[in-house]
Amino acid sequence: EEVVCEVPGCRERMKRKNLEEHEEANMRKHMKLLCARVLSNEKTRTGENEEPGKDVQRFQIVLPGYLAKASGMEKGESLKSRTFTFQGHRFCTCLYPKGQAGAQEGQASLFLCSLEDYRAEVSLS
């Protein structure tokens, strides 16, 4: 059976029986990949390269089966993302594929929804 190396960024494919040999032979490469990933995560977590004093969280919204679900929806109906935490508070995103009531034809509506009593300035880029 063929497997993919589990080290993020390596992506090499090999037979399962050769995985341990691959890990030993590529330890230096794997350490560099992992260090780069840790540093990148640290910069994002601390907001480095962002405005000083502002917290930053980056995420990707994944909506499995979106096209099938959205095609059967009416205007004003929404899909909600999984809950995520920011600054100790819970949030989700609400996507209205055909727009919220009042949206122009052909436009979707996307909202960041606080699941708690949270008030702050939020920017999207």
Foldseek 3Di string as FASTA:
>chain_A
DKDAQPQPPRRDIDDPVCNVVCCVVCVVVSVVSVVVVVVVVVCLQCVPVHDPPDGHDDDDFDDPPVVVVLVPDDAQDWDKGDWDDDPRFIKIKIKGCQYHPPDDGPDIDIDIGTPDPDDDDDDDD
